[in-house]
Amino acid sequence: ISRDSAKNTVYLQMNNLSPEDTAVY
């Protein structure tokens, strides 16, 4: 997880995803 405070934006970089990660985020 990371953020750019100047843009009021948060990010979530997701790597090595598996079917168990299937969801609404």
PDBML (XML) file of the C-alpha atoms, coordinates in Angstrom:
<?xml version="1.0" encoding="UTF-8" ?>
<PDBx:datablock datablockName="MODEL"
   xmlns:PDBx="http://pdbml.pdb.org/schema/pdbx-v50.xsd"
   xmlns:xsi="http://www.w3.org/2001/XMLSchema-instance"
   xsi:schemaLocation="http://pdbml.pdb.org/schema/pdbx-v50.xsd pdbx-v50.xsd">
   <PDBx:atom_siteCategory>
      <PDBx:atom_site id="1">
         <PDBx:B_iso_or_equiv>0.00</PDBx:B_iso_or_equiv>
         <PDBx:Cartn_x>0.000</PDBx:Cartn_x>
         <PDBx:Cartn_y>0.000</PDBx:Cartn_y>
         <PDBx:Cartn_z>0.000</PDBx:Cartn_z>
         <PDBx:auth_asym_id>A</PDBx:auth_asym_id>
         <PDBx:auth_atom_id>CA</PDBx:auth_atom_id>
         <PDBx:auth_comp_id>ILE</PDBx:auth_comp_id>
         <PDBx:auth_seq_id>1</PDBx:auth_seq_id>
         <PDBx:group_PDB>ATOM</PDBx:group_PDB>
         <PDBx:label_alt_id xsi:nil="true" />
         <PDBx:label_asym_id>A</PDBx:label_asym_id>
         <PDBx:label_atom_id>CA</PDBx:label_atom_id>
         <PDBx:label_comp_id>ILE</PDBx:label_comp_id>
         <PDBx:label_entity_id>1</PDBx:label_entity_id>
         <PDBx:label_seq_id>1</PDBx:label_seq_id>
         <PDBx:occupancy>1.00</PDBx:occupancy>
         <PDBx:pdbx_PDB_model_num>1</PDBx:pdbx_PDB_model_num>
         <PDBx:type_symbol>C</PDBx:type_symbol>
      </PDBx:atom_site>
      <PDBx:atom_site id="2">
         <PDBx:B_iso_or_equiv>0.00</PDBx:B_iso_or_equiv>
         <PDBx:Cartn_x>1.211</PDBx:Cartn_x>
         <PDBx:Cartn_y>3.506</PDBx:Cartn_y>
         <PDBx:Cartn_z>-0.787</PDBx:Cartn_z>
         <PDBx:auth_asym_id>A</PDBx:auth_asym_id>
         <PDBx:auth_atom_id>CA</PDBx:auth_atom_id>
         <PDBx:auth_comp_id>SER</PDBx:auth_comp_id>
         <PDBx:auth_seq_id>2</PDBx:auth_seq_id>
         <PDBx:group_PDB>ATOM</PDBx:group_PDB>
         <PDBx:label_alt_id xsi:nil="true" />
         <PDBx:label_asym_id>A</PDBx:label_asym_id>
         <PDBx:label_atom_id>CA</PDBx:label_atom_id>
         <PDBx:label_comp_id>SER</PDBx:label_comp_id>
         <PDBx:label_entity_id>1</PDBx:label_entity_id>
         <PDBx:label_seq_id>2</PDBx:label_seq_id>
         <PDBx:occupancy>1.00</PDBx:occupancy>
         <PDBx:pdbx_PDB_model_num>1</PDBx:pdbx_PDB_model_num>
         <PDBx:type_symbol>C</PDBx:type_symbol>
      </PDBx:atom_site>
      <PDBx:atom_site id="3">
         <PDBx:B_iso_or_equiv>0.00</PDBx:B_iso_or_equiv>
         <PDBx:Cartn_x>-0.190</PDBx:Cartn_x>
         <PDBx:Cartn_y>6.999</PDBx:Cartn_y>
         <PDBx:Cartn_z>-1.146</PDBx:Cartn_z>
         <PDBx:auth_asym_id>A</PDBx:auth_asym_id>
         <PDBx:auth_atom_id>CA</PDBx:auth_atom_id>
         <PDBx:auth_comp_id>ARG</PDBx:auth_comp_id>
         <PDBx:auth_seq_id>3</PDBx:auth_seq_id>
         <PDBx:group_PDB>ATOM</PDBx:group_PDB>
         <PDBx:label_alt_id xsi:nil="true" />
         <PDBx:label_asym_id>A</PDBx:label_asym_id>
         <PDBx:label_atom_id>CA</PDBx:label_atom_id>
         <PDBx:label_comp_id>ARG</PDBx:label_comp_id>
         <PDBx:label_entity_id>1</PDBx:label_entity_id>
         <PDBx:label_seq_id>3</PDBx:label_seq_id>
         <PDBx:occupancy>1.00</PDBx:occupancy>
         <PDBx:pdbx_PDB_model_num>1</PDBx:pdbx_PDB_model_num>
         <PDBx:type_symbol>C</PDBx:type_symbol>
      </PDBx:atom_site>
      <PDBx:atom_site id="4">
         <PDBx:B_iso_or_equiv>0.00</PDBx:B_iso_or_equiv>
         <PDBx:Cartn_x>0.320</PDBx:Cartn_x>
         <PDBx:Cartn_y>10.265</PDBx:Cartn_y>
         <PDBx:Cartn_z>-2.946</PDBx:Cartn_z>
         <PDBx:auth_asym_id>A</PDBx:auth_asym_id>
         <PDBx:auth_atom_id>CA</PDBx:auth_atom_id>
         <PDBx:auth_comp_id>ASP</PDBx:auth_comp_id>
         <PDBx:auth_seq_id>4</PDBx:auth_seq_id>
         <PDBx:group_PDB>ATOM</PDBx:group_PDB>
         <PDBx:label_alt_id xsi:nil="true" />
         <PDBx:label_asym_id>A</PDBx:label_asym_id>
         <PDBx:label_atom_id>CA</PDBx:label_atom_id>
         <PDBx:label_comp_id>ASP</PDBx:label_comp_id>
         <PDBx:label_entity_id>1</PDBx:label_entity_id>
         <PDBx:label_seq_id>4</PDBx:label_seq_id>
         <PDBx:occupancy>1.00</PDBx:occupancy>
         <PDBx:pdbx_PDB_model_num>1</PDBx:pdbx_PDB_model_num>
         <PDBx:type_symbol>C</PDBx:type_symbol>
      </PDBx:atom_site>
      <PDBx:atom_site id="5">
         <PDBx:B_iso_or_equiv>0.00</PDBx:B_iso_or_equiv>
         <PDBx:Cartn_x>-0.844</PDBx:Cartn_x>
         <PDBx:Cartn_y>12.875</PDBx:Cartn_y>
         <PDBx:Cartn_z>-0.479</PDBx:Cartn_z>
         <PDBx:auth_asym_id>A</PDBx:auth_asym_id>
         <PDBx:auth_atom_id>CA</PDBx:auth_atom_id>
         <PDBx:auth_comp_id>SER</PDBx:auth_comp_id>
         <PDBx:auth_seq_id>5</PDBx:auth_seq_id>
         <PDBx:group_PDB>ATOM</PDBx:group_PDB>
         <PDBx:label_alt_id xsi:nil="true" />
         <PDBx:label_asym_id>A</PDBx:label_asym_id>
         <PDBx:label_atom_id>CA</PDBx:label_atom_id>
         <PDBx:label_comp_id>SER</PDBx:label_comp_id>
         <PDBx:label_entity_id>1</PDBx:label_entity_id>
         <PDBx:label_seq_id>5</PDBx:label_seq_id>
         <PDBx:occupancy>1.00</PDBx:occupancy>
         <PDBx:pdbx_PDB_model_num>1</PDBx:pdbx_PDB_model_num>
         <PDBx:type_symbol>C</PDBx:type_symbol>
      </PDBx:atom_site>
      <PDBx:atom_site id="6">
         <PDBx:B_iso_or_equiv>0.00</PDBx:B_iso_or_equiv>
         <PDBx:Cartn_x>-0.644</PDBx:Cartn_x>
         <PDBx:Cartn_y>15.687</PDBx:Cartn_y>
         <PDBx:Cartn_z>-3.032</PDBx:Cartn_z>
         <PDBx:auth_asym_id>A</PDBx:auth_asym_id>
         <PDBx:auth_atom_id>CA</PDBx:auth_atom_id>
         <PDBx:auth_comp_id>ALA</PDBx:auth_comp_id>
         <PDBx:auth_seq_id>6</PDBx:auth_seq_id>
         <PDBx:group_PDB>ATOM</PDBx:group_PDB>
         <PDBx:label_alt_id xsi:nil="true" />
         <PDBx:label_asym_id>A</PDBx:label_asym_id>
         <PDBx:label_atom_id>CA</PDBx:label_atom_id>
         <PDBx:label_comp_id>ALA</PDBx:label_comp_id>
         <PDBx:label_entity_id>1</PDBx:label_entity_id>
         <PDBx:label_seq_id>6</PDBx:label_seq_id>
         <PDBx:occupancy>1.00</PDBx:occupancy>
         <PDBx:pdbx_PDB_model_num>1</PDBx:pdbx_PDB_model_num>
         <PDBx:type_symbol>C</PDBx:type_symbol>
      </PDBx:atom_site>
      <PDBx:atom_site id="7">
         <PDBx:B_iso_or_equiv>0.00</PDBx:B_iso_or_equiv>
         <PDBx:Cartn_x>-3.221</PDBx:Cartn_x>
         <PDBx:Cartn_y>13.848</PDBx:Cartn_y>
         <PDBx:Cartn_z>-5.142</PDBx:Cartn_z>
         <PDBx:auth_asym_id>A</PDBx:auth_asym_id>
         <PDBx:auth_atom_id>CA</PDBx:auth_atom_id>
         <PDBx:auth_comp_id>LYS</PDBx:auth_comp_id>
         <PDBx:auth_seq_id>7</PDBx:auth_seq_id>
         <PDBx:group_PDB>ATOM</PDBx:group_PDB>
         <PDBx:label_alt_id xsi:nil="true" />
         <PDBx:label_asym_id>A</PDBx:label_asym_id>
         <PDBx:label_atom_id>CA</PDBx:label_atom_id>
         <PDBx:label_comp_id>LYS</PDBx:label_comp_id>
         <PDBx:label_entity_id>1</PDBx:label_entity_id>
         <PDBx:label_seq_id>7</PDBx:label_seq_id>
         <PDBx:occupancy>1.00</PDBx:occupancy>
         <PDBx:pdbx_PDB_model_num>1</PDBx:pdbx_PDB_model_num>
         <PDBx:type_symbol>C</PDBx:type_symbol>
      </PDBx:atom_site>
      <PDBx:atom_site id="8">
         <PDBx:B_iso_or_equiv>0.00</PDBx:B_iso_or_equiv>
         <PDBx:Cartn_x>-5.292</PDBx:Cartn_x>
         <PDBx:Cartn_y>12.462</PDBx:Cartn_y>
         <PDBx:Cartn_z>-2.244</PDBx:Cartn_z>
         <PDBx:auth_asym_id>A</PDBx:auth_asym_id>
         <PDBx:auth_atom_id>CA</PDBx:auth_atom_id>
         <PDBx:auth_comp_id>ASN</PDBx:auth_comp_id>
         <PDBx:auth_seq_id>8</PDBx:auth_seq_id>
         <PDBx:group_PDB>ATOM</PDBx:group_PDB>
         <PDBx:label_alt_id xsi:nil="true" />
         <PDBx:label_asym_id>A</PDBx:label_asym_id>
         <PDBx:label_atom_id>CA</PDBx:label_atom_id>
         <PDBx:label_comp_id>ASN</PDBx:label_comp_id>
         <PDBx:label_entity_id>1</PDBx:label_entity_id>
         <PDBx:label_seq_id>8</PDBx:label_seq_id>
         <PDBx:occupancy>1.00</PDBx:occupancy>
         <PDBx:pdbx_PDB_model_num>1</PDBx:pdbx_PDB_model_num>
         <PDBx:type_symbol>C</PDBx:type_symbol>
      </PDBx:atom_site>
      <PDBx:atom_site id="9">
         <PDBx:B_iso_or_equiv>0.00</PDBx:B_iso_or_equiv>
         <PDBx:Cartn_x>-4.750</PDBx:Cartn_x>
         <PDBx:Cartn_y>9.043</PDBx:Cartn_y>
         <PDBx:Cartn_z>-3.724</PDBx:Cartn_z>
         <PDBx:auth_asym_id>A</PDBx:auth_asym_id>
         <PDBx:auth_atom_id>CA</PDBx:auth_atom_id>
         <PDBx:auth_comp_id>THR</PDBx:auth_comp_id>
         <PDBx:auth_seq_id>9</PDBx:auth_seq_id>
         <PDBx:group_PDB>ATOM</PDBx:group_PDB>
         <PDBx:label_alt_id xsi:nil="true" />
         <PDBx:label_asym_id>A</PDBx:label_asym_id>
         <PDBx:label_atom_id>CA</PDBx:label_atom_id>
         <PDBx:label_comp_id>THR</PDBx:label_comp_id>
         <PDBx:label_entity_id>1</PDBx:label_entity_id>
         <PDBx:label_seq_id>9</PDBx:label_seq_id>
         <PDBx:occupancy>1.00</PDBx:occupancy>
         <PDBx:pdbx_PDB_model_num>1</PDBx:pdbx_PDB_model_num>
         <PDBx:type_symbol>C</PDBx:type_symbol>
      </PDBx:atom_site>
      <PDBx:atom_site id="10">
         <PDBx:B_iso_or_equiv>0.00</PDBx:B_iso_or_equiv>
         <PDBx:Cartn_x>-3.965</PDBx:Cartn_x>
         <PDBx:Cartn_y>5.652</PDBx:Cartn_y>
         <PDBx:Cartn_z>-2.244</PDBx:Cartn_z>
         <PDBx:auth_asym_id>A</PDBx:auth_asym_id>
         <PDBx:auth_atom_id>CA</PDBx:auth_atom_id>
         <PDBx:auth_comp_id>VAL</PDBx:auth_comp_id>
         <PDBx:auth_seq_id>10</PDBx:auth_seq_id>
         <PDBx:group_PDB>ATOM</PDBx:group_PDB>
         <PDBx:label_alt_id xsi:nil="true" />
         <PDBx:label_asym_id>A</PDBx:label_asym_id>
         <PDBx:label_atom_id>CA</PDBx:label_atom_id>
         <PDBx:label_comp_id>VAL</PDBx:label_comp_id>
         <PDBx:label_entity_id>1</PDBx:label_entity_id>
         <PDBx:label_seq_id>10</PDBx:label_seq_id>
         <PDBx:occupancy>1.00</PDBx:occupancy>
         <PDBx:pdbx_PDB_model_num>1</PDBx:pdbx_PDB_model_num>
         <PDBx:type_symbol>C</PDBx:type_symbol>
      </PDBx:atom_site>
      <PDBx:atom_site id="11">
         <PDBx:B_iso_or_equiv>0.00</PDBx:B_iso_or_equiv>
         <PDBx:Cartn_x>-2.658</PDBx:Cartn_x>
         <PDBx:Cartn_y>2.667</PDBx:Cartn_y>
         <PDBx:Cartn_z>-4.183</PDBx:Cartn_z>
         <PDBx:auth_asym_id>A</PDBx:auth_asym_id>
         <PDBx:auth_atom_id>CA</PDBx:auth_atom_id>
         <PDBx:auth_comp_id>TYR</PDBx:auth_comp_id>
         <PDBx:auth_seq_id>11</PDBx:auth_seq_id>
         <PDBx:group_PDB>ATOM</PDBx:group_PDB>
         <PDBx:label_alt_id xsi:nil="true" />
         <PDBx:label_asym_id>A</PDBx:label_asym_id>
         <PDBx:label_atom_id>CA</PDBx:label_atom_id>
         <PDBx:label_comp_id>TYR</PDBx:label_comp_id>
         <PDBx:label_entity_id>1</PDBx:label_entity_id>
         <PDBx:label_seq_id>11</PDBx:label_seq_id>
         <PDBx:occupancy>1.00</PDBx:occupancy>
         <PDBx:pdbx_PDB_model_num>1</PDBx:pdbx_PDB_model_num>
         <PDBx:type_symbol>C</PDBx:type_symbol>
      </PDBx:atom_site>
      <PDBx:atom_site id="12">
         <PDBx:B_iso_or_equiv>0.00</PDBx:B_iso_or_equiv>
         <PDBx:Cartn_x>-2.554</PDBx:Cartn_x>
         <PDBx:Cartn_y>-1.052</PDBx:Cartn_y>
         <PDBx:Cartn_z>-3.661</PDBx:Cartn_z>
         <PDBx:auth_asym_id>A</PDBx:auth_asym_id>
         <PDBx:auth_atom_id>CA</PDBx:auth_atom_id>
         <PDBx:auth_comp_id>LEU</PDBx:auth_comp_id>
         <PDBx:auth_seq_id>12</PDBx:auth_seq_id>
         <PDBx:group_PDB>ATOM</PDBx:group_PDB>
         <PDBx:label_alt_id xsi:nil="true" />
         <PDBx:label_asym_id>A</PDBx:label_asym_id>
         <PDBx:label_atom_id>CA</PDBx:label_atom_id>
         <PDBx:label_comp_id>LEU</PDBx:label_comp_id>
         <PDBx:label_entity_id>1</PDBx:label_entity_id>
         <PDBx:label_seq_id>12</PDBx:label_seq_id>
         <PDBx:occupancy>1.00</PDBx:occupancy>
         <PDBx:pdbx_PDB_model_num>1</PDBx:pdbx_PDB_model_num>
         <PDBx:type_symbol>C</PDBx:type_symbol>
      </PDBx:atom_site>
      <PDBx:atom_site id="13">
         <PDBx:B_iso_or_equiv>0.00</PDBx:B_iso_or_equiv>
         <PDBx:Cartn_x>0.024</PDBx:Cartn_x>
         <PDBx:Cartn_y>-2.983</PDBx:Cartn_y>
         <PDBx:Cartn_z>-5.648</PDBx:Cartn_z>
         <PDBx:auth_asym_id>A</PDBx:auth_asym_id>
         <PDBx:auth_atom_id>CA</PDBx:auth_atom_id>
         <PDBx:auth_comp_id>GLN</PDBx:auth_comp_id>
         <PDBx:auth_seq_id>13</PDBx:auth_seq_id>
         <PDBx:group_PDB>ATOM</PDBx:group_PDB>
         <PDBx:label_alt_id xsi:nil="true" />
         <PDBx:label_asym_id>A</PDBx:label_asym_id>
         <PDBx:label_atom_id>CA</PDBx:label_atom_id>
         <PDBx:label_comp_id>GLN</PDBx:label_comp_id>
         <PDBx:label_entity_id>1</PDBx:label_entity_id>
         <PDBx:label_seq_id>13</PDBx:label_seq_id>
         <PDBx:occupancy>1.00</PDBx:occupancy>
         <PDBx:pdbx_PDB_model_num>1</PDBx:pdbx_PDB_model_num>
         <PDBx:type_symbol>C</PDBx:type_symbol>
      </PDBx:atom_site>
      <PDBx:atom_site id="14">
         <PDBx:B_iso_or_equiv>0.00</PDBx:B_iso_or_equiv>
         <PDBx:Cartn_x>-0.991</PDBx:Cartn_x>
         <PDBx:Cartn_y>-6.635</PDBx:Cartn_y>
         <PDBx:Cartn_z>-5.684</PDBx:Cartn_z>
         <PDBx:auth_asym_id>A</PDBx:auth_asym_id>
         <PDBx:auth_atom_id>CA</PDBx:auth_atom_id>
         <PDBx:auth_comp_id>MET</PDBx:auth_comp_id>
         <PDBx:auth_seq_id>14</PDBx:auth_seq_id>
         <PDBx:group_PDB>ATOM</PDBx:group_PDB>
         <PDBx:label_alt_id xsi:nil="true" />
         <PDBx:label_asym_id>A</PDBx:label_asym_id>
         <PDBx:label_atom_id>CA</PDBx:label_atom_id>
         <PDBx:label_comp_id>MET</PDBx:label_comp_id>
         <PDBx:label_entity_id>1</PDBx:label_entity_id>
         <PDBx:label_seq_id>14</PDBx:label_seq_id>
         <PDBx:occupancy>1.00</PDBx:occupancy>
         <PDBx:pdbx_PDB_model_num>1</PDBx:pdbx_PDB_model_num>
         <PDBx:type_symbol>C</PDBx:type_symbol>
      </PDBx:atom_site>
      <PDBx:atom_site id="15">
         <PDBx:B_iso_or_equiv>0.00</PDBx:B_iso_or_equiv>
         <PDBx:Cartn_x>1.515</PDBx:Cartn_x>
         <PDBx:Cartn_y>-9.233</PDBx:Cartn_y>
         <PDBx:Cartn_z>-6.822</PDBx:Cartn_z>
         <PDBx:auth_asym_id>A</PDBx:auth_asym_id>
         <PDBx:auth_atom_id>CA</PDBx:auth_atom_id>
         <PDBx:auth_comp_id>ASN</PDBx:auth_comp_id>
         <PDBx:auth_seq_id>15</PDBx:auth_seq_id>
         <PDBx:group_PDB>ATOM</PDBx:group_PDB>
         <PDBx:label_alt_id xsi:nil="true" />
         <PDBx:label_asym_id>A</PDBx:label_asym_id>
         <PDBx:label_atom_id>CA</PDBx:label_atom_id>
         <PDBx:label_comp_id>ASN</PDBx:label_comp_id>
         <PDBx:label_entity_id>1</PDBx:label_entity_id>
         <PDBx:label_seq_id>15</PDBx:label_seq_id>
         <PDBx:occupancy>1.00</PDBx:occupancy>
         <PDBx:pdbx_PDB_model_num>1</PDBx:pdbx_PDB_model_num>
         <PDBx:type_symbol>C</PDBx:type_symbol>
      </PDBx:atom_site>
      <PDBx:atom_site id="16">
         <PDBx:B_iso_or_equiv>0.00</PDBx:B_iso_or_equiv>
         <PDBx:Cartn_x>1.407</PDBx:Cartn_x>
         <PDBx:Cartn_y>-13.017</PDBx:Cartn_y>
         <PDBx:Cartn_z>-7.032</PDBx:Cartn_z>
         <PDBx:auth_asym_id>A</PDBx:auth_asym_id>
         <PDBx:auth_atom_id>CA</PDBx:auth_atom_id>
         <PDBx:auth_comp_id>ASN</PDBx:auth_comp_id>
         <PDBx:auth_seq_id>16</PDBx:auth_seq_id>
         <PDBx:group_PDB>ATOM</PDBx:group_PDB>
         <PDBx:label_alt_id xsi:nil="true" />
         <PDBx:label_asym_id>A</PDBx:label_asym_id>
         <PDBx:label_atom_id>CA</PDBx:label_atom_id>
         <PDBx:label_comp_id>ASN</PDBx:label_comp_id>
         <PDBx:label_entity_id>1</PDBx:label_entity_id>
         <PDBx:label_seq_id>16</PDBx:label_seq_id>
         <PDBx:occupancy>1.00</PDBx:occupancy>
         <PDBx:pdbx_PDB_model_num>1</PDBx:pdbx_PDB_model_num>
         <PDBx:type_symbol>C</PDBx:type_symbol>
      </PDBx:atom_site>
      <PDBx:atom_site id="17">
         <PDBx:B_iso_or_equiv>0.00</PDBx:B_iso_or_equiv>
         <PDBx:Cartn_x>-2.356</PDBx:Cartn_x>
         <PDBx:Cartn_y>-13.039</PDBx:Cartn_y>
         <PDBx:Cartn_z>-6.986</PDBx:Cartn_z>
         <PDBx:auth_asym_id>A</PDBx:auth_asym_id>
         <PDBx:auth_atom_id>CA</PDBx:auth_atom_id>
         <PDBx:auth_comp_id>LEU</PDBx:auth_comp_id>
         <PDBx:auth_seq_id>17</PDBx:auth_seq_id>
         <PDBx:group_PDB>ATOM</PDBx:group_PDB>
         <PDBx:label_alt_id xsi:nil="true" />
         <PDBx:label_asym_id>A</PDBx:label_asym_id>
         <PDBx:label_atom_id>CA</PDBx:label_atom_id>
         <PDBx:label_comp_id>LEU</PDBx:label_comp_id>
         <PDBx:label_entity_id>1</PDBx:label_entity_id>
         <PDBx:label_seq_id>17</PDBx:label_seq_id>
         <PDBx:occupancy>1.00</PDBx:occupancy>
         <PDBx:pdbx_PDB_model_num>1</PDBx:pdbx_PDB_model_num>
         <PDBx:type_symbol>C</PDBx:type_symbol>
      </PDBx:atom_site>
      <PDBx:atom_site id="18">
         <PDBx:B_iso_or_equiv>0.00</PDBx:B_iso_or_equiv>
         <PDBx:Cartn_x>-4.255</PDBx:Cartn_x>
         <PDBx:Cartn_y>-16.230</PDBx:Cartn_y>
         <PDBx:Cartn_z>-6.303</PDBx:Cartn_z>
         <PDBx:auth_asym_id>A</PDBx:auth_asym_id>
         <PDBx:auth_atom_id>CA</PDBx:auth_atom_id>
         <PDBx:auth_comp_id>SER</PDBx:auth_comp_id>
         <PDBx:auth_seq_id>18</PDBx:auth_seq_id>
         <PDBx:group_PDB>ATOM</PDBx:group_PDB>
         <PDBx:label_alt_id xsi:nil="true" />
         <PDBx:label_asym_id>A</PDBx:label_asym_id>
         <PDBx:label_atom_id>CA</PDBx:label_atom_id>
         <PDBx:label_comp_id>SER</PDBx:label_comp_id>
         <PDBx:label_entity_id>1</PDBx:label_entity_id>
         <PDBx:label_seq_id>18</PDBx:label_seq_id>
         <PDBx:occupancy>1.00</PDBx:occupancy>
         <PDBx:pdbx_PDB_model_num>1</PDBx:pdbx_PDB_model_num>
         <PDBx:type_symbol>C</PDBx:type_symbol>
      </PDBx:atom_site>
      <PDBx:atom_site id="19">
         <PDBx:B_iso_or_equiv>0.00</PDBx:B_iso_or_equiv>
         <PDBx:Cartn_x>-7.906</PDBx:Cartn_x>
         <PDBx:Cartn_y>-17.176</PDBx:Cartn_y>
         <PDBx:Cartn_z>-6.825</PDBx:Cartn_z>
         <PDBx:auth_asym_id>A</PDBx:auth_asym_id>
         <PDBx:auth_atom_id>CA</PDBx:auth_atom_id>
         <PDBx:auth_comp_id>PRO</PDBx:auth_comp_id>
         <PDBx:auth_seq_id>19</PDBx:auth_seq_id>
         <PDBx:group_PDB>ATOM</PDBx:group_PDB>
         <PDBx:label_alt_id xsi:nil="true" />
         <PDBx:label_asym_id>A</PDBx:label_asym_id>
         <PDBx:label_atom_id>CA</PDBx:label_atom_id>
         <PDBx:label_comp_id>PRO</PDBx:label_comp_id>
         <PDBx:label_entity_id>1</PDBx:label_entity_id>
         <PDBx:label_seq_id>19</PDBx:label_seq_id>
         <PDBx:occupancy>1.00</PDBx:occupancy>
         <PDBx:pdbx_PDB_model_num>1</PDBx:pdbx_PDB_model_num>
         <PDBx:type_symbol>C</PDBx:type_symbol>
      </PDBx:atom_site>
      <PDBx:atom_site id="20">
         <PDBx:B_iso_or_equiv>0.00</PDBx:B_iso_or_equiv>
         <PDBx:Cartn_x>-8.430</PDBx:Cartn_x>
         <PDBx:Cartn_y>-16.678</PDBx:Cartn_y>
         <PDBx:Cartn_z>-3.095</PDBx:Cartn_z>
         <PDBx:auth_asym_id>A</PDBx:auth_asym_id>
         <PDBx:auth_atom_id>CA</PDBx:auth_atom_id>
         <PDBx:auth_comp_id>GLU</PDBx:auth_comp_id>
         <PDBx:auth_seq_id>20</PDBx:auth_seq_id>
         <PDBx:group_PDB>ATOM</PDBx:group_PDB>
         <PDBx:label_alt_id xsi:nil="true" />
         <PDBx:label_asym_id>A</PDBx:label_asym_id>
         <PDBx:label_atom_id>CA</PDBx:label_atom_id>
         <PDBx:label_comp_id>GLU</PDBx:label_comp_id>
         <PDBx:label_entity_id>1</PDBx:label_entity_id>
         <PDBx:label_seq_id>20</PDBx:label_seq_id>
         <PDBx:occupancy>1.00</PDBx:occupancy>
         <PDBx:pdbx_PDB_model_num>1</PDBx:pdbx_PDB_model_num>
         <PDBx:type_symbol>C</PDBx:type_symbol>
      </PDBx:atom_site>
      <PDBx:atom_site id="21">
         <PDBx:B_iso_or_equiv>0.00</PDBx:B_iso_or_equiv>
         <PDBx:Cartn_x>-7.821</PDBx:Cartn_x>
         <PDBx:Cartn_y>-12.974</PDBx:Cartn_y>
         <PDBx:Cartn_z>-3.660</PDBx:Cartn_z>
         <PDBx:auth_asym_id>A</PDBx:auth_asym_id>
         <PDBx:auth_atom_id>CA</PDBx:auth_atom_id>
         <PDBx:auth_comp_id>ASP</PDBx:auth_comp_id>
         <PDBx:auth_seq_id>21</PDBx:auth_seq_id>
         <PDBx:group_PDB>ATOM</PDBx:group_PDB>
         <PDBx:label_alt_id xsi:nil="true" />
         <PDBx:label_asym_id>A</PDBx:label_asym_id>
         <PDBx:label_atom_id>CA</PDBx:label_atom_id>
         <PDBx:label_comp_id>ASP</PDBx:label_comp_id>
         <PDBx:label_entity_id>1</PDBx:label_entity_id>
         <PDBx:label_seq_id>21</PDBx:label_seq_id>
         <PDBx:occupancy>1.00</PDBx:occupancy>
         <PDBx:pdbx_PDB_model_num>1</PDBx:pdbx_PDB_model_num>
         <PDBx:type_symbol>C</PDBx:type_symbol>
      </PDBx:atom_site>
      <PDBx:atom_site id="22">
         <PDBx:B_iso_or_equiv>0.00</PDBx:B_iso_or_equiv>
         <PDBx:Cartn_x>-10.962</PDBx:Cartn_x>
         <PDBx:Cartn_y>-12.712</PDBx:Cartn_y>
         <PDBx:Cartn_z>-5.773</PDBx:Cartn_z>
         <PDBx:auth_asym_id>A</PDBx:auth_asym_id>
         <PDBx:auth_atom_id>CA</PDBx:auth_atom_id>
         <PDBx:auth_comp_id>THR</PDBx:auth_comp_id>
         <PDBx:auth_seq_id>22</PDBx:auth_seq_id>
         <PDBx:group_PDB>ATOM</PDBx:group_PDB>
         <PDBx:label_alt_id xsi:nil="true" />
         <PDBx:label_asym_id>A</PDBx:label_asym_id>
         <PDBx:label_atom_id>CA</PDBx:label_atom_id>
         <PDBx:label_comp_id>THR</PDBx:label_comp_id>
         <PDBx:label_entity_id>1</PDBx:label_entity_id>
         <PDBx:label_seq_id>22</PDBx:label_seq_id>
         <PDBx:occupancy>1.00</PDBx:occupancy>
         <PDBx:pdbx_PDB_model_num>1</PDBx:pdbx_PDB_model_num>
         <PDBx:type_symbol>C</PDBx:type_symbol>
      </PDBx:atom_site>
      <PDBx:atom_site id="23">
         <PDBx:B_iso_or_equiv>0.00</PDBx:B_iso_or_equiv>
         <PDBx:Cartn_x>-13.188</PDBx:Cartn_x>
         <PDBx:Cartn_y>-10.109</PDBx:Cartn_y>
         <PDBx:Cartn_z>-4.144</PDBx:Cartn_z>
         <PDBx:auth_asym_id>A</PDBx:auth_asym_id>
         <PDBx:auth_atom_id>CA</PDBx:auth_atom_id>
         <PDBx:auth_comp_id>ALA</PDBx:auth_comp_id>
         <PDBx:auth_seq_id>23</PDBx:auth_seq_id>
         <PDBx:group_PDB>ATOM</PDBx:group_PDB>
         <PDBx:label_alt_id xsi:nil="true" />
         <PDBx:label_asym_id>A</PDBx:label_asym_id>
         <PDBx:label_atom_id>CA</PDBx:label_atom_id>
         <PDBx:label_comp_id>ALA</PDBx:label_comp_id>
         <PDBx:label_entity_id>1</PDBx:label_entity_id>
         <PDBx:label_seq_id>23</PDBx:label_seq_id>
         <PDBx:occupancy>1.00</PDBx:occupancy>
         <PDBx:pdbx_PDB_model_num>1</PDBx:pdbx_PDB_model_num>
         <PDBx:type_symbol>C</PDBx:type_symbol>
      </PDBx:atom_site>
      <PDBx:atom_site id="24">
         <PDBx:B_iso_or_equiv>0.00</PDBx:B_iso_or_equiv>
         <PDBx:Cartn_x>-14.541</PDBx:Cartn_x>
         <PDBx:Cartn_y>-6.615</PDBx:Cartn_y>
         <PDBx:Cartn_z>-4.376</PDBx:Cartn_z>
         <PDBx:auth_asym_id>A</PDBx:auth_asym_id>
         <PDBx:auth_atom_id>CA</PDBx:auth_atom_id>
         <PDBx:auth_comp_id>VAL</PDBx:auth_comp_id>
         <PDBx:auth_seq_id>24</PDBx:auth_seq_id>
         <PDBx:group_PDB>ATOM</PDBx:group_PDB>
         <PDBx:label_alt_id xsi:nil="true" />
         <PDBx:label_asym_id>A</PDBx:label_asym_id>
         <PDBx:label_atom_id>CA</PDBx:label_atom_id>
         <PDBx:label_comp_id>VAL</PDBx:label_comp_id>
         <PDBx:label_entity_id>1</PDBx:label_entity_id>
         <PDBx:label_seq_id>24</PDBx:label_seq_id>
         <PDBx:occupancy>1.00</PDBx:occupancy>
         <PDBx:pdbx_PDB_model_num>1</PDBx:pdbx_PDB_model_num>
         <PDBx:type_symbol>C</PDBx:type_symbol>
      </PDBx:atom_site>
      <PDBx:atom_site id="25">
         <PDBx:B_iso_or_equiv>0.00</PDBx:B_iso_or_equiv>
         <PDBx:Cartn_x>-11.887</PDBx:Cartn_x>
         <PDBx:Cartn_y>-4.258</PDBx:Cartn_y>
         <PDBx:Cartn_z>-3.069</PDBx:Cartn_z>
         <PDBx:auth_asym_id>A</PDBx:auth_asym_id>
         <PDBx:auth_atom_id>CA</PDBx:auth_atom_id>
         <PDBx:auth_comp_id>TYR</PDBx:auth_comp_id>
         <PDBx:auth_seq_id>25</PDBx:auth_seq_id>
         <PDBx:group_PDB>ATOM</PDBx:group_PDB>
         <PDBx:label_alt_id xsi:nil="true" />
         <PDBx:label_asym_id>A</PDBx:label_asym_id>
         <PDBx:label_atom_id>CA</PDBx:label_atom_id>
         <PDBx:label_comp_id>TYR</PDBx:label_comp_id>
         <PDBx:label_entity_id>1</PDBx:label_entity_id>
         <PDBx:label_seq_id>25</PDBx:label_seq_id>
         <PDBx:occupancy>1.00</PDBx:occupancy>
         <PDBx:pdbx_PDB_model_num>1</PDBx:pdbx_PDB_model_num>
         <PDBx:type_symbol>C</PDBx:type_symbol>
      </PDBx:atom_site>
   </PDBx:atom_siteCategory>
</PDBx:datablock>
